[in-house]
Amino acid sequence: MALVDLLRDRRERLLSGWRERIFAEYPGGPGFFAKERDGLKNPVGAMVRESTEGLLGGLIDGATEEETRARLDGIVRLRAVQDFRPAAALAFVFGLKSIVRGELDGVASPGEMREFEDAVDRLSLLAFEVYAGCREQMLRLSVKAMRDRSMKLMERAGMITGDPEEGEAR
């Protein structure tokens, strides 16, 4: 049986294992995140479920880079703002390799497994690009907020007047 067919047949088990591994990275483990299905009560769990579903589906069906980037955006953006080191924030991508290997080792051909793992490696590089973009956006927002606070303080102190963008100073 072809790897793509094996992945489709075992999709739910693969998703379950991948999600469990992701949820285990959070304080308190997978309990709440895996059980609570309401996206308002559990936005992290909802984002992980939606993203993993889309990402695995994209790997199986051959999604375009643009589609994959969109599927990565939510989970990577979430992990970029959480208290994860960069490597830990993106480790979830590589977790899929070991889940699939554990499920299909010896069943799928070594060549097809290498192709799948190469696709996961490409996914991880794309995830890194998305992560870097998110962190850059966060830094820009932080710098802008700091600049705005400084301008307000200078304005209150009477050091500037008018529109700060135009650079009118006393």
N, C-alpha and C. Protein backbone atom coordinates (compact mmCIF):
# COMPACT_ATOMS: atom_id res chain seq x y z
N MET A 1 0.85 -1.18 0.00
CA MET A 1 0.00 0.00 0.00
C MET A 1 0.90 1.25 0.00
N ALA A 2 0.52 2.26 -0.77
CA ALA A 2 1.30 3.49 -0.88
C ALA A 2 1.24 4.28 0.43
N LEU A 3 2.29 5.04 0.71
CA LEU A 3 2.37 5.80 1.94
C LEU A 3 1.19 6.75 2.09
N VAL A 4 0.81 7.41 1.02
CA VAL A 4 -0.31 8.35 1.10
C VAL A 4 -1.59 7.64 1.53
N ASP A 5 -1.79 6.42 1.08
CA ASP A 5 -2.97 5.65 1.49
C ASP A 5 -2.87 5.23 2.96
N LEU A 6 -1.67 4.86 3.38
CA LEU A 6 -1.46 4.51 4.79
C LEU A 6 -1.72 5.72 5.69
N LEU A 7 -1.25 6.88 5.25
CA LEU A 7 -1.47 8.11 6.03
C LEU A 7 -2.96 8.42 6.12
N ARG A 8 -3.68 8.25 5.02
CA ARG A 8 -5.13 8.51 5.03
C ARG A 8 -5.85 7.52 5.95
N ASP A 9 -5.47 6.25 5.85
CA ASP A 9 -6.11 5.21 6.68
C ASP A 9 -5.88 5.43 8.17
N ARG A 10 -4.73 5.95 8.51
CA ARG A 10 -4.36 6.10 9.93
C ARG A 10 -4.36 7.56 10.38
N ARG A 11 -5.00 8.38 9.61
CA ARG A 11 -5.02 9.83 9.84
C ARG A 11 -5.43 10.19 11.28
N GLU A 12 -6.53 9.63 11.75
CA GLU A 12 -7.02 9.99 13.08
C GLU A 12 -6.04 9.58 14.18
N ARG A 13 -5.44 8.41 14.04
CA ARG A 13 -4.44 7.98 15.04
C ARG A 13 -3.21 8.87 15.00
N LEU A 14 -2.79 9.23 13.79
CA LEU A 14 -1.64 10.11 13.65
C LEU A 14 -1.92 11.48 14.26
N LEU A 15 -3.10 12.02 13.94
CA LEU A 15 -3.48 13.32 14.50
C LEU A 15 -3.57 13.27 16.01
N SER A 16 -4.16 12.22 16.53
CA SER A 16 -4.30 12.06 17.97
C SER A 16 -2.93 12.02 18.66
N GLY A 17 -2.02 11.25 18.11
CA GLY A 17 -0.68 11.16 18.68
C GLY A 17 0.09 12.47 18.58
N TRP A 18 -0.05 13.15 17.45
CA TRP A 18 0.64 14.42 17.24
C TRP A 18 0.10 15.48 18.20
N ARG A 19 -1.20 15.54 18.33
CA ARG A 19 -1.81 16.53 19.23
C ARG A 19 -1.45 16.24 20.69
N GLU A 20 -1.47 14.98 21.06
CA GLU A 20 -1.11 14.61 22.43
C GLU A 20 0.31 15.08 22.73
N ARG A 21 1.19 14.89 21.79
CA ARG A 21 2.59 15.32 21.96
C ARG A 21 2.67 16.84 22.10
N ILE A 22 1.91 17.57 21.29
CA ILE A 22 1.91 19.03 21.36
C ILE A 22 1.34 19.49 22.69
N PHE A 23 0.20 18.94 23.10
CA PHE A 23 -0.44 19.35 24.34
C PHE A 23 0.43 19.03 25.56
N ALA A 24 1.25 18.00 25.47
CA ALA A 24 2.12 17.62 26.59
C ALA A 24 3.18 18.69 26.85
N GLU A 25 3.43 19.56 25.89
CA GLU A 25 4.42 20.63 26.06
C GLU A 25 3.90 21.76 26.94
N TYR A 26 2.61 21.78 27.20
CA TYR A 26 2.01 22.85 27.99
C TYR A 26 1.92 22.44 29.46
N PRO A 27 2.00 23.44 30.36
CA PRO A 27 1.84 23.12 31.79
C PRO A 27 0.51 22.40 32.03
N GLY A 28 0.54 21.39 32.84
CA GLY A 28 -0.67 20.63 33.12
C GLY A 28 -0.89 19.50 32.14
N GLY A 29 -0.06 19.43 31.10
CA GLY A 29 -0.15 18.32 30.16
C GLY A 29 -1.36 18.38 29.26
N PRO A 30 -1.65 17.29 28.61
CA PRO A 30 -2.68 17.27 27.58
C PRO A 30 -4.12 17.28 28.08
N GLY A 31 -4.34 17.04 29.35
CA GLY A 31 -5.69 16.89 29.88
C GLY A 31 -6.72 17.87 29.35
N PHE A 32 -6.68 19.11 29.81
CA PHE A 32 -7.67 20.11 29.46
C PHE A 32 -7.67 20.40 27.96
N PHE A 33 -6.49 20.58 27.38
CA PHE A 33 -6.39 20.95 25.96
C PHE A 33 -7.00 19.89 25.05
N ALA A 34 -6.81 18.63 25.40
CA ALA A 34 -7.32 17.55 24.56
C ALA A 34 -8.81 17.32 24.77
N LYS A 35 -9.30 17.53 25.98
CA LYS A 35 -10.70 17.19 26.30
C LYS A 35 -11.68 18.30 25.96
N GLU A 36 -11.34 19.54 26.29
CA GLU A 36 -12.28 20.65 26.08
C GLU A 36 -12.35 21.01 24.60
N ARG A 37 -13.50 20.83 23.99
CA ARG A 37 -13.68 21.05 22.55
C ARG A 37 -14.18 22.45 22.21
N ASP A 38 -14.69 23.18 23.19
CA ASP A 38 -15.22 24.51 22.95
C ASP A 38 -14.06 25.48 22.68
N GLY A 39 -14.04 26.04 21.48
CA GLY A 39 -12.96 26.94 21.09
C GLY A 39 -12.90 28.22 21.89
N LEU A 40 -14.02 28.63 22.50
CA LEU A 40 -13.99 29.83 23.33
C LEU A 40 -13.37 29.54 24.69
N LYS A 41 -13.61 28.37 25.21
CA LYS A 41 -13.04 27.98 26.50
C LYS A 41 -11.60 27.48 26.35
N ASN A 42 -11.27 26.99 25.17
CA ASN A 42 -9.97 26.37 24.93
C ASN A 42 -9.43 26.78 23.56
N PRO A 43 -9.04 28.06 23.40
CA PRO A 43 -8.56 28.51 22.09
C PRO A 43 -7.27 27.82 21.66
N VAL A 44 -6.41 27.48 22.61
CA VAL A 44 -5.17 26.79 22.27
C VAL A 44 -5.49 25.42 21.67
N GLY A 45 -6.34 24.68 22.34
CA GLY A 45 -6.72 23.36 21.85
C GLY A 45 -7.38 23.44 20.49
N ALA A 46 -8.25 24.41 20.31
CA ALA A 46 -8.94 24.57 19.02
C ALA A 46 -7.94 24.89 17.91
N MET A 47 -6.98 25.77 18.20
CA MET A 47 -5.98 26.14 17.20
C MET A 47 -5.10 24.94 16.85
N VAL A 48 -4.70 24.18 17.84
CA VAL A 48 -3.86 23.01 17.60
C VAL A 48 -4.63 21.99 16.77
N ARG A 49 -5.88 21.73 17.12
CA ARG A 49 -6.68 20.76 16.36
C ARG A 49 -6.85 21.21 14.90
N GLU A 50 -7.20 22.47 14.71
CA GLU A 50 -7.42 22.98 13.36
C GLU A 50 -6.12 22.96 12.54
N SER A 51 -5.04 23.40 13.13
CA SER A 51 -3.77 23.48 12.40
C SER A 51 -3.21 22.10 12.07
N THR A 52 -3.23 21.18 13.03
CA THR A 52 -2.69 19.85 12.76
C THR A 52 -3.51 19.14 11.70
N GLU A 53 -4.80 19.30 11.75
CA GLU A 53 -5.68 18.71 10.73
C GLU A 53 -5.29 19.23 9.35
N GLY A 54 -5.16 20.54 9.23
CA GLY A 54 -4.82 21.14 7.95
C GLY A 54 -3.42 20.80 7.48
N LEU A 55 -2.47 20.78 8.40
CA LEU A 55 -1.09 20.48 8.01
C LEU A 55 -0.90 19.04 7.56
N LEU A 56 -1.47 18.10 8.32
CA LEU A 56 -1.35 16.71 7.90
C LEU A 56 -2.09 16.49 6.58
N GLY A 57 -3.27 17.08 6.48
CA GLY A 57 -4.02 16.99 5.22
C GLY A 57 -3.23 17.56 4.06
N GLY A 58 -2.54 18.66 4.29
CA GLY A 58 -1.72 19.26 3.24
C GLY A 58 -0.55 18.40 2.84
N LEU A 59 0.06 17.73 3.82
CA LEU A 59 1.16 16.82 3.50
C LEU A 59 0.66 15.62 2.69
N ILE A 60 -0.51 15.14 3.04
CA ILE A 60 -1.08 13.99 2.32
C ILE A 60 -1.50 14.38 0.91
N ASP A 61 -2.18 15.52 0.80
CA ASP A 61 -2.77 15.91 -0.48
C ASP A 61 -1.87 16.79 -1.33
N GLY A 62 -0.71 17.19 -0.81
CA GLY A 62 0.20 18.03 -1.59
C GLY A 62 -0.23 19.47 -1.68
N ALA A 63 -0.43 20.12 -0.55
CA ALA A 63 -0.84 21.53 -0.53
C ALA A 63 0.28 22.41 -1.09
N THR A 64 -0.11 23.55 -1.62
CA THR A 64 0.86 24.51 -2.12
C THR A 64 1.56 25.19 -0.94
N GLU A 65 2.66 25.87 -1.23
CA GLU A 65 3.37 26.59 -0.17
C GLU A 65 2.48 27.65 0.47
N GLU A 66 1.70 28.33 -0.35
CA GLU A 66 0.79 29.37 0.15
C GLU A 66 -0.26 28.76 1.10
N GLU A 67 -0.83 27.64 0.69
CA GLU A 67 -1.82 26.97 1.55
C GLU A 67 -1.18 26.49 2.85
N THR A 68 0.02 25.95 2.75
CA THR A 68 0.73 25.45 3.93
C THR A 68 1.06 26.61 4.87
N ARG A 69 1.52 27.72 4.32
CA ARG A 69 1.84 28.90 5.14
C ARG A 69 0.59 29.35 5.91
N ALA A 70 -0.55 29.37 5.24
CA ALA A 70 -1.80 29.77 5.90
C ALA A 70 -2.17 28.79 7.01
N ARG A 71 -1.93 27.50 6.79
CA ARG A 71 -2.25 26.48 7.79
C ARG A 71 -1.28 26.54 8.98
N LEU A 72 -0.08 26.99 8.73
CA LEU A 72 0.92 27.12 9.79
C LEU A 72 0.70 28.38 10.62
N ASP A 73 0.15 29.40 10.01
CA ASP A 73 0.10 30.72 10.62
C ASP A 73 -0.49 30.72 12.04
N GLY A 74 -1.63 30.12 12.21
CA GLY A 74 -2.29 30.17 13.52
C GLY A 74 -1.49 29.54 14.63
N ILE A 75 -1.04 28.32 14.44
CA ILE A 75 -0.32 27.62 15.50
C ILE A 75 1.06 28.24 15.74
N VAL A 76 1.73 28.66 14.68
CA VAL A 76 3.05 29.27 14.86
C VAL A 76 2.91 30.64 15.52
N ARG A 77 1.93 31.42 15.10
CA ARG A 77 1.69 32.73 15.71
C ARG A 77 1.38 32.56 17.21
N LEU A 78 0.57 31.58 17.53
CA LEU A 78 0.23 31.29 18.92
C LEU A 78 1.49 30.96 19.73
N ARG A 79 2.32 30.10 19.20
CA ARG A 79 3.51 29.67 19.91
C ARG A 79 4.58 30.77 19.95
N ALA A 80 4.55 31.69 18.98
CA ALA A 80 5.50 32.80 18.97
C ALA A 80 5.24 33.77 20.12
N VAL A 81 3.98 33.90 20.53
CA VAL A 81 3.66 34.83 21.62
C VAL A 81 3.66 34.15 22.99
N GLN A 82 3.72 32.84 23.00
CA GLN A 82 3.75 32.12 24.26
C GLN A 82 5.18 32.05 24.78
N ASP A 83 5.35 31.50 25.93
CA ASP A 83 6.64 31.49 26.61
C ASP A 83 7.50 30.30 26.18
N PHE A 84 7.64 30.10 24.88
CA PHE A 84 8.47 29.02 24.34
C PHE A 84 9.76 29.61 23.78
N ARG A 85 10.86 28.91 23.96
CA ARG A 85 12.08 29.25 23.23
C ARG A 85 11.81 28.96 21.76
N PRO A 86 12.53 29.60 20.84
CA PRO A 86 12.26 29.37 19.41
C PRO A 86 12.28 27.90 19.01
N ALA A 87 13.27 27.16 19.48
CA ALA A 87 13.35 25.73 19.11
C ALA A 87 12.14 24.97 19.63
N ALA A 88 11.74 25.26 20.85
CA ALA A 88 10.58 24.57 21.43
C ALA A 88 9.29 24.97 20.74
N ALA A 89 9.22 26.22 20.30
CA ALA A 89 8.01 26.70 19.62
C ALA A 89 7.76 25.96 18.32
N LEU A 90 8.84 25.53 17.66
CA LEU A 90 8.71 24.88 16.36
C LEU A 90 8.92 23.38 16.40
N ALA A 91 9.23 22.84 17.56
CA ALA A 91 9.49 21.40 17.69
C ALA A 91 8.27 20.56 17.32
N PHE A 92 7.09 21.14 17.42
CA PHE A 92 5.88 20.38 17.10
C PHE A 92 5.91 19.83 15.67
N VAL A 93 6.56 20.55 14.76
CA VAL A 93 6.63 20.09 13.37
C VAL A 93 7.40 18.77 13.30
N PHE A 94 8.54 18.73 13.97
CA PHE A 94 9.38 17.53 13.94
C PHE A 94 8.73 16.37 14.68
N GLY A 95 7.86 16.68 15.63
CA GLY A 95 7.15 15.63 16.35
C GLY A 95 6.33 14.75 15.43
N LEU A 96 5.86 15.32 14.33
CA LEU A 96 5.08 14.54 13.37
C LEU A 96 5.90 13.41 12.77
N LYS A 97 7.18 13.67 12.53
CA LYS A 97 8.05 12.63 11.95
C LYS A 97 8.06 11.38 12.83
N SER A 98 8.30 11.58 14.12
CA SER A 98 8.41 10.41 14.99
C SER A 98 7.05 9.71 15.17
N ILE A 99 5.98 10.48 15.14
CA ILE A 99 4.64 9.88 15.23
C ILE A 99 4.40 8.98 14.01
N VAL A 100 4.69 9.49 12.83
CA VAL A 100 4.48 8.73 11.60
C VAL A 100 5.45 7.54 11.56
N ARG A 101 6.70 7.77 11.93
CA ARG A 101 7.67 6.68 11.95
C ARG A 101 7.21 5.57 12.87
N GLY A 102 6.74 5.92 14.05
CA GLY A 102 6.27 4.93 15.00
C GLY A 102 5.07 4.14 14.50
N GLU A 103 4.23 4.80 13.74
CA GLU A 103 3.02 4.17 13.22
C GLU A 103 3.27 3.35 11.96
N LEU A 104 4.20 3.81 11.12
CA LEU A 104 4.34 3.20 9.79
C LEU A 104 5.70 2.56 9.52
N ASP A 105 6.60 2.57 10.51
CA ASP A 105 7.92 1.98 10.28
C ASP A 105 7.77 0.50 9.97
N GLY A 106 8.38 0.08 8.90
CA GLY A 106 8.30 -1.31 8.48
C GLY A 106 7.09 -1.60 7.61
N VAL A 107 6.13 -0.68 7.56
CA VAL A 107 4.94 -0.86 6.74
C VAL A 107 5.10 -0.13 5.41
N ALA A 108 5.61 1.11 5.51
CA ALA A 108 5.82 1.92 4.31
C ALA A 108 7.23 1.68 3.78
N SER A 109 7.42 1.94 2.52
CA SER A 109 8.75 1.74 1.92
C SER A 109 9.70 2.82 2.44
N PRO A 110 10.97 2.47 2.59
CA PRO A 110 11.95 3.46 3.07
C PRO A 110 12.02 4.69 2.16
N GLY A 111 11.89 4.51 0.88
CA GLY A 111 11.92 5.64 -0.04
C GLY A 111 10.77 6.60 0.19
N GLU A 112 9.58 6.05 0.37
CA GLU A 112 8.41 6.90 0.62
C GLU A 112 8.53 7.60 1.98
N MET A 113 9.08 6.90 2.96
CA MET A 113 9.28 7.51 4.28
C MET A 113 10.27 8.67 4.18
N ARG A 114 11.34 8.50 3.40
CA ARG A 114 12.30 9.60 3.21
C ARG A 114 11.62 10.79 2.54
N GLU A 115 10.80 10.53 1.55
CA GLU A 115 10.08 11.62 0.87
C GLU A 115 9.16 12.36 1.85
N PHE A 116 8.46 11.59 2.68
CA PHE A 116 7.57 12.21 3.66
C PHE A 116 8.38 13.04 4.65
N GLU A 117 9.48 12.50 5.13
CA GLU A 117 10.31 13.23 6.09
C GLU A 117 10.93 14.47 5.46
N ASP A 118 11.26 14.41 4.17
CA ASP A 118 11.74 15.60 3.46
C ASP A 118 10.64 16.66 3.41
N ALA A 119 9.40 16.23 3.21
CA ALA A 119 8.27 17.16 3.18
C ALA A 119 8.09 17.80 4.56
N VAL A 120 8.27 17.03 5.63
CA VAL A 120 8.17 17.58 6.98
C VAL A 120 9.32 18.57 7.22
N ASP A 121 10.50 18.27 6.71
CA ASP A 121 11.63 19.20 6.83
C ASP A 121 11.32 20.52 6.12
N ARG A 122 10.73 20.45 4.93
CA ARG A 122 10.33 21.67 4.22
C ARG A 122 9.27 22.43 5.02
N LEU A 123 8.36 21.69 5.62
CA LEU A 123 7.33 22.30 6.48
C LEU A 123 7.99 23.04 7.64
N SER A 124 9.01 22.44 8.23
CA SER A 124 9.69 23.08 9.36
C SER A 124 10.39 24.37 8.93
N LEU A 125 10.97 24.38 7.74
CA LEU A 125 11.61 25.61 7.26
C LEU A 125 10.58 26.71 7.03
N LEU A 126 9.45 26.33 6.49
CA LEU A 126 8.38 27.29 6.29
C LEU A 126 7.86 27.79 7.64
N ALA A 127 7.75 26.89 8.60
CA ALA A 127 7.32 27.28 9.95
C ALA A 127 8.31 28.28 10.55
N PHE A 128 9.59 28.08 10.31
CA PHE A 128 10.60 29.01 10.80
C PHE A 128 10.40 30.40 10.19
N GLU A 129 10.12 30.45 8.88
CA GLU A 129 9.87 31.74 8.24
C GLU A 129 8.66 32.44 8.86
N VAL A 130 7.60 31.68 9.09
CA VAL A 130 6.39 32.25 9.69
C VAL A 130 6.70 32.73 11.10
N TYR A 131 7.43 31.92 11.86
CA TYR A 131 7.81 32.29 13.23
C TYR A 131 8.64 33.57 13.24
N ALA A 132 9.64 33.65 12.38
CA ALA A 132 10.49 34.84 12.32
C ALA A 132 9.67 36.07 11.97
N GLY A 133 8.73 35.93 11.05
CA GLY A 133 7.86 37.05 10.70
C GLY A 133 6.99 37.50 11.87
N CYS A 134 6.48 36.55 12.63
CA CYS A 134 5.66 36.87 13.80
C CYS A 134 6.49 37.60 14.85
N ARG A 135 7.69 37.10 15.12
CA ARG A 135 8.56 37.73 16.12
C ARG A 135 8.97 39.13 15.68
N GLU A 136 9.23 39.29 14.38
CA GLU A 136 9.58 40.61 13.85
C GLU A 136 8.42 41.58 14.03
N GLN A 137 7.22 41.12 13.75
CA GLN A 137 6.03 41.96 13.92
C GLN A 137 5.86 42.35 15.38
N MET A 138 6.08 41.39 16.29
CA MET A 138 5.97 41.69 17.72
C MET A 138 7.01 42.73 18.15
N LEU A 139 8.21 42.62 17.64
CA LEU A 139 9.25 43.59 17.97
C LEU A 139 8.91 44.98 17.44
N ARG A 140 8.39 45.03 16.20
CA ARG A 140 7.99 46.33 15.64
C ARG A 140 6.90 46.98 16.48
N LEU A 141 5.92 46.18 16.92
CA LEU A 141 4.85 46.71 17.76
C LEU A 141 5.39 47.20 19.10
N SER A 142 6.33 46.46 19.64
CA SER A 142 6.94 46.84 20.92
C SER A 142 7.71 48.16 20.78
N VAL A 143 8.48 48.30 19.72
CA VAL A 143 9.24 49.52 19.49
C VAL A 143 8.29 50.70 19.28
N LYS A 144 7.22 50.48 18.53
CA LYS A 144 6.25 51.55 18.29
C LYS A 144 5.59 51.98 19.60
N ALA A 145 5.22 51.02 20.44
CA ALA A 145 4.59 51.34 21.72
C ALA A 145 5.56 52.12 22.61
N MET A 146 6.82 51.73 22.60
CA MET A 146 7.82 52.42 23.41
C MET A 146 8.02 53.85 22.89
N ARG A 147 8.08 54.00 21.57
CA ARG A 147 8.23 55.32 20.97
C ARG A 147 7.03 56.20 21.30
N ASP A 148 5.83 55.64 21.20
CA ASP A 148 4.62 56.41 21.51
C ASP A 148 4.60 56.86 22.97
N ARG A 149 5.00 55.96 23.88
CA ARG A 149 5.07 56.34 25.31
C ARG A 149 6.09 57.45 25.53
N SER A 150 7.24 57.35 24.89
CA SER A 150 8.27 58.37 25.03
C SER A 150 7.79 59.71 24.51
N MET A 151 7.11 59.70 23.38
CA MET A 151 6.59 60.95 22.80
C MET A 151 5.55 61.59 23.72
N LYS A 152 4.70 60.76 24.32
CA LYS A 152 3.69 61.30 25.25
C LYS A 152 4.36 61.94 26.46
N LEU A 153 5.38 61.27 26.98
CA LEU A 153 6.10 61.83 28.14
C LEU A 153 6.78 63.14 27.77
N MET A 154 7.38 63.19 26.60
CA MET A 154 8.04 64.43 26.16
C MET A 154 7.02 65.54 25.94
N GLU A 155 5.86 65.15 25.42
CA GLU A 155 4.79 66.13 25.20
C GLU A 155 4.31 66.69 26.54
N ARG A 156 4.08 65.80 27.51
CA ARG A 156 3.65 66.24 28.84
C ARG A 156 4.69 67.13 29.51
N ALA A 157 5.94 66.85 29.26
CA ALA A 157 7.03 67.64 29.86
C ALA A 157 7.23 68.95 29.12
N GLY A 158 6.49 69.16 28.03
CA GLY A 158 6.59 70.40 27.27
C GLY A 158 7.80 70.45 26.36
N MET A 159 8.39 69.30 26.08
CA MET A 159 9.59 69.27 25.25
C MET A 159 9.26 69.27 23.76
N ILE A 160 8.01 68.88 23.42
CA ILE A 160 7.58 68.91 22.03
C ILE A 160 6.17 69.45 21.96
N THR A 161 5.83 70.00 20.81
CA THR A 161 4.47 70.46 20.55
C THR A 161 4.07 70.03 19.15
N GLY A 162 2.82 70.00 18.89
CA GLY A 162 2.35 69.64 17.56
C GLY A 162 2.41 68.13 17.32
N ASP A 163 2.45 67.78 16.05
CA ASP A 163 2.46 66.39 15.63
C ASP A 163 3.88 65.83 15.73
N PRO A 164 4.08 64.83 16.57
CA PRO A 164 5.42 64.25 16.73
C PRO A 164 5.98 63.69 15.42
N GLU A 165 5.11 63.28 14.50
CA GLU A 165 5.56 62.73 13.23
C GLU A 165 6.24 63.80 12.39
N GLU A 166 5.82 65.03 12.58
CA GLU A 166 6.40 66.12 11.79
C GLU A 166 7.66 66.67 12.45
N GLY A 167 7.93 66.21 13.65
CA GLY A 167 9.18 66.55 14.31
C GLY A 167 9.25 67.96 14.89
N GLU A 168 8.11 68.56 15.18
CA GLU A 168 8.12 69.90 15.77
C GLU A 168 8.57 69.79 17.22
N ALA A 169 9.66 70.42 17.53
CA ALA A 169 10.18 70.41 18.89
C ALA A 169 10.43 71.84 19.34
N ARG A 170 10.48 72.03 20.63
CA ARG A 170 10.77 73.35 21.19
C ARG A 170 12.24 73.58 21.27
